[in-house]
C-alpha cells in the first residue's frame, strides 16, 4: 500500500524536482518505521537520549571521568555512530 502511495506521488512530481522526491520518501520511511510502536515518533528522540544518559552515567559516575564538557564530546561521537549504525542497517536490508 505504501508503495502505491509513493508511486502515485512520484508520478505527479516534475522530473526536475528530485530533492522534493527524496524528502517525501524520507518522511514516509520515517513514519513507517515508528508507526506501530506505542510512543510513535517520540522513540526517535527517546532512544538516543536514553543511551546518552546511560553512557554519561557509566563514564562520569563509575569511571570518574574529569574531562570538561564531556557530554558534548560524547554527543558528537554518538551522532556519528548513530548515523553509521543506521546507514549500515538500512544498507544491509536493501
Foldseek 3Di string as FASTA:
>chain_A
DVVVVLVVVVVPDDPVPVVVSVVVVVVVVLQVVQVPDPVGNCCVVVVLVVVLVVVCCCCCPVVVDDDPPVSVVVVVVSVVVVVVVVVVVVVVVD
